[in-house]
C-alpha atoms as a PDB file:
ATOM      1  CA  UNK A   1       2.090 101.238 -11.730  1.00  0.00           C
ATOM      2  CA  UNK A   2       1.942 100.790  -7.942  1.00  0.00           C
ATOM      3  CA  UNK A   3      -0.743  98.142  -8.377  1.00  0.00           C
ATOM      4  CA  UNK A   4       1.454  96.333 -10.855  1.00  0.00           C
ATOM      5  CA  UNK A   5       4.466  96.407  -8.490  1.00  0.00           C
ATOM      6  CA  UNK A   6       2.253  95.181  -5.623  1.00  0.00           C
ATOM      7  CA  UNK A   7       0.991  92.380  -7.834  1.00  0.00           C
ATOM      8  CA  UNK A   8       4.508  91.271  -8.658  1.00  0.00           C
ATOM      9  CA  UNK A   9       5.577  91.280  -5.011  1.00  0.00           C
ATOM     10  CA  UNK A  10       2.722  89.250  -3.690  1.00  0.00           C
ATOM     11  CA  UNK A  11       2.530  86.804  -6.516  1.00  0.00           C
ATOM     12  CA  UNK A  12      -1.273  86.645  -6.311  1.00  0.00           C
ATOM     13  CA  UNK A  13      -2.800  87.814  -9.657  1.00  0.00           C
ATOM     14  CA  UNK A  14      -5.814  90.035  -9.131  1.00  0.00           C
ATOM     15  CA  UNK A  15      -5.857  89.496  -5.348  1.00  0.00           C
ATOM     16  CA  UNK A  16      -7.016  92.961  -4.257  1.00  0.00           C
ATOM     17  CA  UNK A  17      -9.194  93.492  -7.330  1.00  0.00           C
ATOM     18  CA  UNK A  18     -10.992  90.192  -6.838  1.00  0.00           C
ATOM     19  CA  UNK A  19     -11.689  90.922  -3.217  1.00  0.00           C
ATOM     20  CA  UNK A  20     -12.843  94.446  -3.653  1.00  0.00           C
ATOM     21  CA  UNK A  21     -14.502  94.647  -6.982  1.00  0.00           C
ATOM     22  CA  UNK A  22     -16.549  91.465  -7.271  1.00  0.00           C
ATOM     23  CA  UNK A  23     -19.489  90.666  -4.953  1.00  0.00           C
ATOM     24  CA  UNK A  24     -18.878  86.942  -5.301  1.00  0.00           C
ATOM     25  CA  UNK A  25     -16.011  84.535  -5.772  1.00  0.00           C
ATOM     26  CA  UNK A  26     -15.469  81.355  -7.771  1.00  0.00           C
ATOM     27  CA  UNK A  27     -14.007  78.096  -6.431  1.00  0.00           C
ATOM     28  CA  UNK A  28     -10.714  78.827  -8.111  1.00  0.00           C
ATOM     29  CA  UNK A  29     -10.508  82.313  -6.724  1.00  0.00           C
ATOM     30  CA  UNK A  30     -11.180  81.073  -3.204  1.00  0.00           C
ATOM     31  CA  UNK A  31      -8.547  78.366  -3.583  1.00  0.00           C
ATOM     32  CA  UNK A  32      -6.029  81.093  -4.750  1.00  0.00           C
ATOM     33  CA  UNK A  33      -6.866  83.376  -1.693  1.00  0.00           C
ATOM     34  CA  UNK A  34      -6.427  80.517   0.810  1.00  0.00           C
ATOM     35  CA  UNK A  35      -3.522  79.029  -1.100  1.00  0.00           C
ATOM     36  CA  UNK A  36      -5.137  75.604  -1.191  1.00  0.00           C
ATOM     37  CA  UNK A  37      -6.474  73.266  -3.943  1.00  0.00           C
ATOM     38  CA  UNK A  38      -9.909  73.353  -5.365  1.00  0.00           C
ATOM     39  CA  UNK A  39     -10.616  69.959  -3.785  1.00  0.00           C
ATOM     40  CA  UNK A  40      -9.993  71.461  -0.350  1.00  0.00           C
ATOM     41  CA  UNK A  41     -12.514  74.175  -1.015  1.00  0.00           C
ATOM     42  CA  UNK A  42     -15.035  71.647  -2.100  1.00  0.00           C
ATOM     43  CA  UNK A  43     -14.444  69.711   1.069  1.00  0.00           C
ATOM     44  CA  UNK A  44     -15.131  72.860   3.043  1.00  0.00           C
ATOM     45  CA  UNK A  45     -18.386  73.274   1.207  1.00  0.00           C
ATOM     46  CA  UNK A  46     -19.371  69.568   1.749  1.00  0.00           C
ATOM     47  CA  UNK A  47     -18.750  69.801   5.464  1.00  0.00           C
ATOM     48  CA  UNK A  48     -20.848  72.960   5.731  1.00  0.00           C
ATOM     49  CA  UNK A  49     -17.966  75.208   6.800  1.00  0.00           C
ATOM     50  CA  UNK A  50     -18.369  77.377   3.684  1.00  0.00           C
ATOM     51  CA  UNK A  51     -21.613  78.260   2.107  1.00  0.00           C
ATOM     52  CA  UNK A  52     -21.866  78.220  -1.736  1.00  0.00           C
ATOM     53  CA  UNK A  53     -24.436  78.480  -4.463  1.00  0.00           C
ATOM     54  CA  UNK A  54     -24.409  76.012  -7.373  1.00  0.00           C
ATOM     55  CA  UNK A  55     -25.886  77.733 -10.408  1.00  0.00           C
ATOM     56  CA  UNK A  56     -25.213  75.021 -12.976  1.00  0.00           C
ATOM     57  CA  UNK A  57     -23.215  71.770 -13.170  1.00  0.00           C
ATOM     58  CA  UNK A  58     -20.000  73.770 -13.933  1.00  0.00           C
ATOM     59  CA  UNK A  59     -20.774  77.041 -12.061  1.00  0.00           C
ATOM     60  CA  UNK A  60     -20.500  77.422  -8.314  1.00  0.00           C
ATOM     61  CA  UNK A  61     -20.150  80.814  -6.671  1.00  0.00           C
ATOM     62  CA  UNK A  62     -19.419  82.015  -3.113  1.00  0.00           C
ATOM     63  CA  UNK A  63     -20.454  85.441  -1.899  1.00  0.00           C
ATOM     64  CA  UNK A  64     -17.912  87.697  -0.190  1.00  0.00           C
ATOM     65  CA  UNK A  65     -20.154  87.777   2.903  1.00  0.00           C
ATOM     66  CA  UNK A  66     -20.183  83.964   3.260  1.00  0.00           C
ATOM     67  CA  UNK A  67     -16.449  83.812   2.739  1.00  0.00           C
ATOM     68  CA  UNK A  68     -15.784  86.355   5.514  1.00  0.00           C
ATOM     69  CA  UNK A  69     -18.408  84.754   7.710  1.00  0.00           C
ATOM     70  CA  UNK A  70     -16.567  81.446   7.521  1.00  0.00           C
ATOM     71  CA  UNK A  71     -13.356  83.122   8.623  1.00  0.00           C
ATOM     72  CA  UNK A  72     -15.062  84.898  11.556  1.00  0.00           C
ATOM     73  CA  UNK A  73     -17.050  81.922  12.863  1.00  0.00           C
ATOM     74  CA  UNK A  74     -14.423  79.189  12.411  1.00  0.00           C
ATOM     75  CA  UNK A  75     -12.056  79.658  15.219  1.00  0.00           C
ATOM     76  CA  UNK A  76      -8.921  77.578  15.883  1.00  0.00           C
ATOM     77  CA  UNK A  77      -9.329  75.119  18.723  1.00  0.00           C
ATOM     78  CA  UNK A  78      -7.525  72.012  19.949  1.00  0.00           C
ATOM     79  CA  UNK A  79      -8.944  68.805  18.679  1.00  0.00           C
ATOM     80  CA  UNK A  80     -10.919  67.031  21.378  1.00  0.00           C
ATOM     81  CA  UNK A  81     -10.536  63.299  21.899  1.00  0.00           C
ATOM     82  CA  UNK A  82     -13.753  61.358  21.693  1.00  0.00           C
ATOM     83  CA  UNK A  83     -14.994  59.087  24.472  1.00  0.00           C
ATOM     84  CA  UNK A  84     -14.476  55.992  22.311  1.00  0.00           C
ATOM     85  CA  UNK A  85     -10.924  56.920  21.627  1.00  0.00           C
ATOM     86  CA  UNK A  86     -10.266  57.298  25.356  1.00  0.00           C
ATOM     87  CA  UNK A  87     -11.845  53.947  26.037  1.00  0.00           C
ATOM     88  CA  UNK A  88      -9.719  52.337  23.273  1.00  0.00           C
ATOM     89  CA  UNK A  89      -6.514  53.774  24.813  1.00  0.00           C
ATOM     90  CA  UNK A  90      -7.417  52.448  28.259  1.00  0.00           C
ATOM     91  CA  UNK A  91      -8.209  48.988  26.979  1.00  0.00           C
ATOM     92  CA  UNK A  92      -4.949  48.814  24.970  1.00  0.00           C
ATOM     93  CA  UNK A  93      -2.939  49.957  27.957  1.00  0.00           C
ATOM     94  CA  UNK A  94      -4.568  47.351  30.128  1.00  0.00           C
ATOM     95  CA  UNK A  95      -3.988  44.633  27.594  1.00  0.00           C
ATOM     96  CA  UNK A  96      -0.204  45.633  27.433  1.00  0.00           C
ATOM     97  CA  UNK A  97      -0.031  45.365  31.204  1.00  0.00           C
ATOM     98  CA  UNK A  98      -1.708  41.973  31.359  1.00  0.00           C
ATOM     99  CA  UNK A  99       0.347  40.398  28.508  1.00  0.00           C
ATOM    100  CA  UNK A 100       3.584  39.986  30.461  1.00  0.00           C
ATOM    101  CA  UNK A 101       1.736  38.532  33.413  1.00  0.00           C
ATOM    102  CA  UNK A 102      -0.070  36.030  31.275  1.00  0.00           C
ATOM    103  CA  UNK A 103       3.216  34.962  29.515  1.00  0.00           C
ATOM    104  CA  UNK A 104       4.815  34.528  32.933  1.00  0.00           C
ATOM    105  CA  UNK A 105       1.945  32.377  34.156  1.00  0.00           C
ATOM    106  CA  UNK A 106       2.127  30.172  31.082  1.00  0.00           C
ATOM    107  CA  UNK A 107       5.836  29.746  31.436  1.00  0.00           C
ATOM    108  CA  UNK A 108       5.405  28.733  35.079  1.00  0.00           C
ATOM    109  CA  UNK A 109       2.615  26.203  34.273  1.00  0.00           C
ATOM    110  CA  UNK A 110       4.758  24.668  31.449  1.00  0.00           C
ATOM    111  CA  UNK A 111       7.713  24.390  33.815  1.00  0.00           C
ATOM    112  CA  UNK A 112       5.549  22.566  36.437  1.00  0.00           C
ATOM    113  CA  UNK A 113       4.302  20.197  33.655  1.00  0.00           C
ATOM    114  CA  UNK A 114       7.793  19.396  32.607  1.00  0.00           C
ATOM    115  CA  UNK A 115       8.868  18.828  36.118  1.00  0.00           C
ATOM    116  CA  UNK A 116       6.310  16.021  36.452  1.00  0.00           C
ATOM    117  CA  UNK A 117       7.833  14.204  33.400  1.00  0.00           C
ATOM    118  CA  UNK A 118       6.268  13.399  30.028  1.00  0.00           C
ATOM    119  CA  UNK A 119       4.479   9.988  29.677  1.00  0.00           C
ATOM    120  CA  UNK A 120       6.536   7.166  28.233  1.00  0.00           C
ATOM    121  CA  UNK A 121       6.025   6.153  24.628  1.00  0.00           C
ATOM    122  CA  UNK A 122       3.921   3.081  24.274  1.00  0.00           C
ATOM    123  CA  UNK A 123       5.512   0.322  22.391  1.00  0.00           C
ATOM    124  CA  UNK A 124       3.297  -1.131  19.716  1.00  0.00           C
ATOM    125  CA  UNK A 125       3.741  -4.905  19.362  1.00  0.00           C
ATOM    126  CA  UNK A 126       5.160  -6.266  16.120  1.00  0.00           C
ATOM    127  CA  UNK A 127       1.897  -8.067  15.313  1.00  0.00           C
ATOM    128  CA  UNK A 128       1.105  -4.770  13.556  1.00  0.00           C
ATOM    129  CA  UNK A 129       3.632  -5.423  10.730  1.00  0.00           C
ATOM    130  CA  UNK A 130       3.916  -1.729   9.817  1.00  0.00           C
ATOM    131  CA  UNK A 131       5.577  -0.747  13.084  1.00  0.00           C
ATOM    132  CA  UNK A 132       8.705  -2.639  14.140  1.00  0.00           C
ATOM    133  CA  UNK A 133      10.770  -5.843  14.134  1.00  0.00           C
ATOM    134  CA  UNK A 134      12.461  -5.246  17.478  1.00  0.00           C
ATOM    135  CA  UNK A 135      10.852  -8.298  19.120  1.00  0.00           C
ATOM    136  CA  UNK A 136      11.657 -10.697  16.271  1.00  0.00           C
ATOM    137  CA  UNK A 137      15.336 -11.309  17.296  1.00  0.00           C
ATOM    138  CA  UNK A 138      15.968 -14.695  18.777  1.00  0.00           C
ATOM    139  CA  UNK A 139      18.668 -17.128  19.732  1.00  0.00           C
ATOM    140  CA  UNK A 140      20.315 -19.712  17.425  1.00  0.00           C
ATOM    141  CA  UNK A 141      18.938 -22.561  19.451  1.00  0.00           C
ATOM    142  CA  UNK A 142      15.294 -21.650  19.083  1.00  0.00           C
ATOM    143  CA  UNK A 143      15.648 -20.834  15.412  1.00  0.00           C
ATOM    144  CA  UNK A 144      16.190 -24.350  14.129  1.00  0.00           C
ATOM    145  CA  UNK A 145      18.623 -25.736  11.483  1.00  0.00           C
ATOM    146  CA  UNK A 146      19.252 -24.109   8.100  1.00  0.00           C
ATOM    147  CA  UNK A 147      19.561 -20.353   7.793  1.00  0.00           C
ATOM    148  CA  UNK A 148      19.462 -17.752   5.091  1.00  0.00           C
ATOM    149  CA  UNK A 149      21.531 -14.707   5.006  1.00  0.00           C
ATOM    150  CA  UNK A 150      20.042 -11.438   3.805  1.00  0.00           C
ATOM    151  CA  UNK A 151      22.060 -11.544   0.663  1.00  0.00           C
ATOM    152  CA  UNK A 152      20.936 -15.096  -0.141  1.00  0.00           C
ATOM    153  CA  UNK A 153      17.284 -14.133   0.335  1.00  0.00           C
ATOM    154  CA  UNK A 154      17.483 -11.166  -1.948  1.00  0.00           C
ATOM    155  CA  UNK A 155      19.359 -13.175  -4.641  1.00  0.00           C
ATOM    156  CA  UNK A 156      17.022 -16.257  -4.484  1.00  0.00           C
ATOM    157  CA  UNK A 157      13.650 -14.510  -4.322  1.00  0.00           C
ATOM    158  CA  UNK A 158      14.638 -11.335  -6.290  1.00  0.00           C
ATOM    159  CA  UNK A 159      13.965  -9.050  -3.329  1.00  0.00           C
ATOM    160  CA  UNK A 160      15.508  -5.784  -2.233  1.00  0.00           C
ATOM    161  CA  UNK A 161      16.564  -5.192   1.432  1.00  0.00           C
ATOM    162  CA  UNK A 162      13.696  -2.753   1.976  1.00  0.00           C
ATOM    163  CA  UNK A 163      11.055  -5.087   0.382  1.00  0.00           C
ATOM    164  CA  UNK A 164      12.218  -8.005   2.550  1.00  0.00           C
ATOM    165  CA  UNK A 165      12.127  -5.733   5.640  1.00  0.00           C
ATOM    166  CA  UNK A 166       8.515  -5.167   4.935  1.00  0.00           C
ATOM    167  CA  UNK A 167       7.912  -8.893   4.523  1.00  0.00           C
ATOM    168  CA  UNK A 168       9.696  -9.531   7.774  1.00  0.00           C
ATOM    169  CA  UNK A 169       7.507  -7.069   9.547  1.00  0.00           C
ATOM    170  CA  UNK A 170       4.326  -8.548   8.075  1.00  0.00           C
ATOM    171  CA  UNK A 171       5.018 -12.233   8.930  1.00  0.00           C
ATOM    172  CA  UNK A 172       7.240 -11.609  12.035  1.00  0.00           C
ATOM    173  CA  UNK A 173      10.183 -13.702  10.601  1.00  0.00           C
ATOM    174  CA  UNK A 174      12.664 -14.340  13.468  1.00  0.00           C
ATOM    175  CA  UNK A 175      16.139 -13.051  13.074  1.00  0.00           C
ATOM    176  CA  UNK A 176      19.507 -14.382  14.439  1.00  0.00           C
ATOM    177  CA  UNK A 177      22.464 -12.055  14.827  1.00  0.00           C
ATOM    178  CA  UNK A 178      25.743 -13.781  14.005  1.00  0.00           C
ATOM    179  CA  UNK A 179      28.331 -11.100  14.713  1.00  0.00           C
ATOM    180  CA  UNK A 180      27.680  -8.425  12.058  1.00  0.00           C
ATOM    181  CA  UNK A 181      25.421 -10.722   9.829  1.00  0.00           C
ATOM    182  CA  UNK A 182      21.684 -11.159  10.174  1.00  0.00           C
ATOM    183  CA  UNK A 183      20.324 -14.654   9.424  1.00  0.00           C
ATOM    184  CA  UNK A 184      16.810 -16.007   9.085  1.00  0.00           C
ATOM    185  CA  UNK A 185      15.439 -19.542   9.348  1.00  0.00           C
ATOM    186  CA  UNK A 186      14.823 -21.149   5.912  1.00  0.00           C
ATOM    187  CA  UNK A 187      11.582 -22.764   6.912  1.00  0.00           C
ATOM    188  CA  UNK A 188      10.118 -19.413   8.123  1.00  0.00           C
ATOM    189  CA  UNK A 189      11.279 -17.532   5.059  1.00  0.00           C
ATOM    190  CA  UNK A 190       9.940 -20.109   2.572  1.00  0.00           C
ATOM    191  CA  UNK A 191       6.602 -20.200   4.402  1.00  0.00           C
ATOM    192  CA  UNK A 192       6.394 -16.344   4.389  1.00  0.00           C
ATOM    193  CA  UNK A 193       7.222 -16.253   0.703  1.00  0.00           C
ATOM    194  CA  UNK A 194       4.529 -18.804  -0.125  1.00  0.00           C
ATOM    195  CA  UNK A 195       1.902 -16.905   1.919  1.00  0.00           C
ATOM    196  CA  UNK A 196       2.959 -13.628   0.174  1.00  0.00           C
ATOM    197  CA  UNK A 197       2.707 -15.159  -3.254  1.00  0.00           C
ATOM    198  CA  UNK A 198      -0.830 -16.466  -2.439  1.00  0.00           C
ATOM    199  CA  UNK A 199      -1.805 -13.068  -1.055  1.00  0.00           C
ATOM    200  CA  UNK A 200      -0.606 -11.238  -4.151  1.00  0.00           C
ATOM    201  CA  UNK A 201      -2.043 -13.887  -6.504  1.00  0.00           C
ATOM    202  CA  UNK A 202       1.325 -14.853  -8.102  1.00  0.00           C
ATOM    203  CA  UNK A 203       0.581 -18.639  -8.055  1.00  0.00           C
ATOM    204  CA  UNK A 204      -2.973 -18.292  -9.548  1.00  0.00           C
ATOM    205  CA  UNK A 205      -1.818 -18.212 -13.194  1.00  0.00           C
ATOM    206  CA  UNK A 206      -2.489 -21.944 -13.574  1.00  0.00           C
ATOM    207  CA  UNK A 207      -6.247 -21.881 -12.996  1.00  0.00           C
ATOM    208  CA  UNK A 208      -7.162 -18.113 -13.177  1.00  0.00           C
ATOM    209  CA  UNK A 209      -7.013 -15.294 -15.666  1.00  0.00           C
ATOM    210  CA  UNK A 210      -6.266 -11.824 -14.604  1.00  0.00           C
ATOM    211  CA  UNK A 211      -8.096  -8.952 -16.320  1.00  0.00           C
ATOM    212  CA  UNK A 212      -4.935  -7.959 -18.147  1.00  0.00           C
ATOM    213  CA  UNK A 213      -4.264 -11.504 -19.290  1.00  0.00           C
ATOM    214  CA  UNK A 214      -7.747 -11.570 -20.943  1.00  0.00           C
ATOM    215  CA  UNK A 215      -7.241  -8.170 -22.485  1.00  0.00           C
ATOM    216  CA  UNK A 216      -3.935  -9.247 -23.964  1.00  0.00           C
ATOM    217  CA  UNK A 217      -5.083 -12.634 -25.264  1.00  0.00           C
ATOM    218  CA  UNK A 218      -8.505 -11.799 -26.604  1.00  0.00           C
ATOM    219  CA  UNK A 219      -8.105  -8.074 -27.433  1.00  0.00           C
ATOM    220  CA  UNK A 220     -10.898  -6.809 -25.209  1.00  0.00           C
ATOM    221  CA  UNK A 221     -11.173  -3.792 -23.082  1.00  0.00           C
ATOM    222  CA  UNK A 222     -11.512  -3.754 -19.296  1.00  0.00           C
ATOM    223  CA  UNK A 223     -15.227  -2.937 -19.366  1.00  0.00           C
ATOM    224  CA  UNK A 224     -15.932  -5.656 -22.053  1.00  0.00           C
ATOM    225  CA  UNK A 225     -14.137  -8.225 -19.831  1.00  0.00           C
ATOM    226  CA  UNK A 226     -16.174  -7.438 -16.766  1.00  0.00           C
ATOM    227  CA  UNK A 227     -19.469  -7.251 -18.709  1.00  0.00           C
ATOM    228  CA  UNK A 228     -18.808 -10.623 -20.437  1.00  0.00           C
ATOM    229  CA  UNK A 229     -17.997 -12.207 -17.102  1.00  0.00           C
ATOM    230  CA  UNK A 230     -21.152 -10.837 -15.519  1.00  0.00           C
ATOM    231  CA  UNK A 231     -23.350 -11.879 -18.454  1.00  0.00           C
ATOM    232  CA  UNK A 232     -22.046 -15.482 -18.656  1.00  0.00           C
ATOM    233  CA  UNK A 233     -21.677 -16.145 -14.967  1.00  0.00           C
ATOM    234  CA  UNK A 234     -17.887 -16.534 -14.945  1.00  0.00           C
ATOM    235  CA  UNK A 235     -16.664 -17.159 -11.416  1.00  0.00           C
ATOM    236  CA  UNK A 236     -14.317 -14.551 -10.094  1.00  0.00           C
ATOM    237  CA  UNK A 237     -11.955 -14.174  -7.178  1.00  0.00           C
ATOM    238  CA  UNK A 238     -10.804 -10.962  -5.592  1.00  0.00           C
ATOM    239  CA  UNK A 239      -7.153 -11.018  -4.460  1.00  0.00           C
ATOM    240  CA  UNK A 240      -5.273  -8.484  -2.392  1.00  0.00           C
ATOM    241  CA  UNK A 241      -8.349  -6.248  -1.923  1.00  0.00           C
ATOM    242  CA  UNK A 242      -8.908  -5.034  -5.491  1.00  0.00           C
ATOM    243  CA  UNK A 243      -7.334  -7.557  -7.963  1.00  0.00           C
ATOM    244  CA  UNK A 244     -10.089  -9.480  -9.805  1.00  0.00           C
ATOM    245  CA  UNK A 245      -9.267 -12.979 -11.247  1.00  0.00           C
ATOM    246  CA  UNK A 246     -11.485 -15.017 -13.595  1.00  0.00           C
ATOM    247  CA  UNK A 247     -11.667 -18.781 -13.511  1.00  0.00           C
ATOM    248  CA  UNK A 248     -10.057 -20.167 -16.762  1.00  0.00           C
ATOM    249  CA  UNK A 249     -12.465 -23.057 -17.093  1.00  0.00           C
ATOM    250  CA  UNK A 250     -15.573 -20.874 -16.851  1.00  0.00           C
ATOM    251  CA  UNK A 251     -14.149 -18.241 -19.172  1.00  0.00           C
ATOM    252  CA  UNK A 252     -13.103 -20.720 -21.920  1.00  0.00           C
ATOM    253  CA  UNK A 253     -16.439 -22.530 -21.781  1.00  0.00           C
ATOM    254  CA  UNK A 254     -18.420 -19.288 -21.911  1.00  0.00           C
ATOM    255  CA  UNK A 255     -16.234 -18.122 -24.767  1.00  0.00           C
ATOM    256  CA  UNK A 256     -16.927 -21.317 -26.844  1.00  0.00           C
ATOM    257  CA  UNK A 257     -20.683 -20.963 -26.225  1.00  0.00           C
ATOM    258  CA  UNK A 258     -20.636 -17.256 -27.215  1.00  0.00           C
ATOM    259  CA  UNK A 259     -18.751 -18.170 -30.426  1.00  0.00           C
ATOM    260  CA  UNK A 260     -21.324 -20.790 -31.412  1.00  0.00           C
ATOM    261  CA  UNK A 261     -24.232 -18.377 -30.843  1.00  0.00           C
ATOM    262  CA  UNK A 262     -22.586 -15.422 -32.402  1.00  0.00           C
ATOM    263  CA  UNK A 263     -23.988 -14.626 -35.938  1.00  0.00           C
ATOM    264  CA  UNK A 264     -20.735 -13.162 -37.233  1.00  0.00           C
ATOM    265  CA  UNK A 265     -18.739 -16.200 -36.048  1.00  0.00           C
ATOM    266  CA  UNK A 266     -21.289 -18.687 -37.468  1.00  0.00           C
ATOM    267  CA  UNK A 267     -21.283 -16.970 -40.886  1.00  0.00           C
ATOM    268  CA  UNK A 268     -17.518 -16.877 -41.007  1.00  0.00           C
ATOM    269  CA  UNK A 269     -17.395 -20.556 -40.118  1.00  0.00           C
ATOM    270  CA  UNK A 270     -19.820 -21.435 -42.916  1.00  0.00           C
ATOM    271  CA  UNK A 271     -17.847 -19.531 -45.371  1.00  0.00           C
ATOM    272  CA  UNK A 272     -14.687 -21.388 -44.314  1.00  0.00           C
ATOM    273  CA  UNK A 273     -16.502 -24.711 -44.762  1.00  0.00           C
ATOM    274  CA  UNK A 274     -17.667 -23.714 -48.327  1.00  0.00           C
ATOM    275  CA  UNK A 275     -14.175 -22.897 -49.260  1.00  0.00           C
ATOM    276  CA  UNK A 276     -12.824 -26.149 -47.990  1.00  0.00           C
ATOM    277  CA  UNK A 277     -15.473 -28.155 -49.832  1.00  0.00           C
ATOM    278  CA  UNK A 278     -14.721 -26.414 -53.141  1.00  0.00           C
END
């Protein structure tokens, strides 16, 4: 009865009996005695603090002598700081002390550089058409006679303001400011438009085929067009860097020769002649 009352008070089932009656303890019993988890007991075993005997894969026992020996030999002591940890603390402290000084030096250097003044921006001449038109403004006397306004240019040549601005930069077309209106010499604008049309190949349709013209007229693919031109020696002209044009005279002559030599075209022509004779 007394043992049962003591058991209810302590809340440790079989505490005294396990310690006194059995010469060895299991992992679970040691965990109950120390009030820790089984994983903690295993960690003590792995570290060598507690000796244990593993009989099978599932059975590990600890003698009472080894358990009390662990308690006697393992004394509480303050954790010592390693040499490497001390060196790390010193290095971190030194870095924290040096950081404000470094930032202060950098700010002083930047202040000195700003005091000297930043270099002036170099103005790129308008010969590079992608940059500016600031040096194309001129006086009315030097511009000549007839003038276009911006609205007239856009209406006549089907241009937008932005597209004409790029054209103006490319060819350095002079500009005259008349109050709030910008005017441009007709001769310069017409000349620039003609050069731009030649550059883009807009005026080549009279004597040259584009690849897309041939594809539309003769139902060929892009590879077929290039292969036919290469095989029959059709003269080509490359416009605006990557646009390939084919001479109409060479293409038409090569096409007629190919039709005469083609077996399918020849047989079709003979059939047509027979039908006409009948």
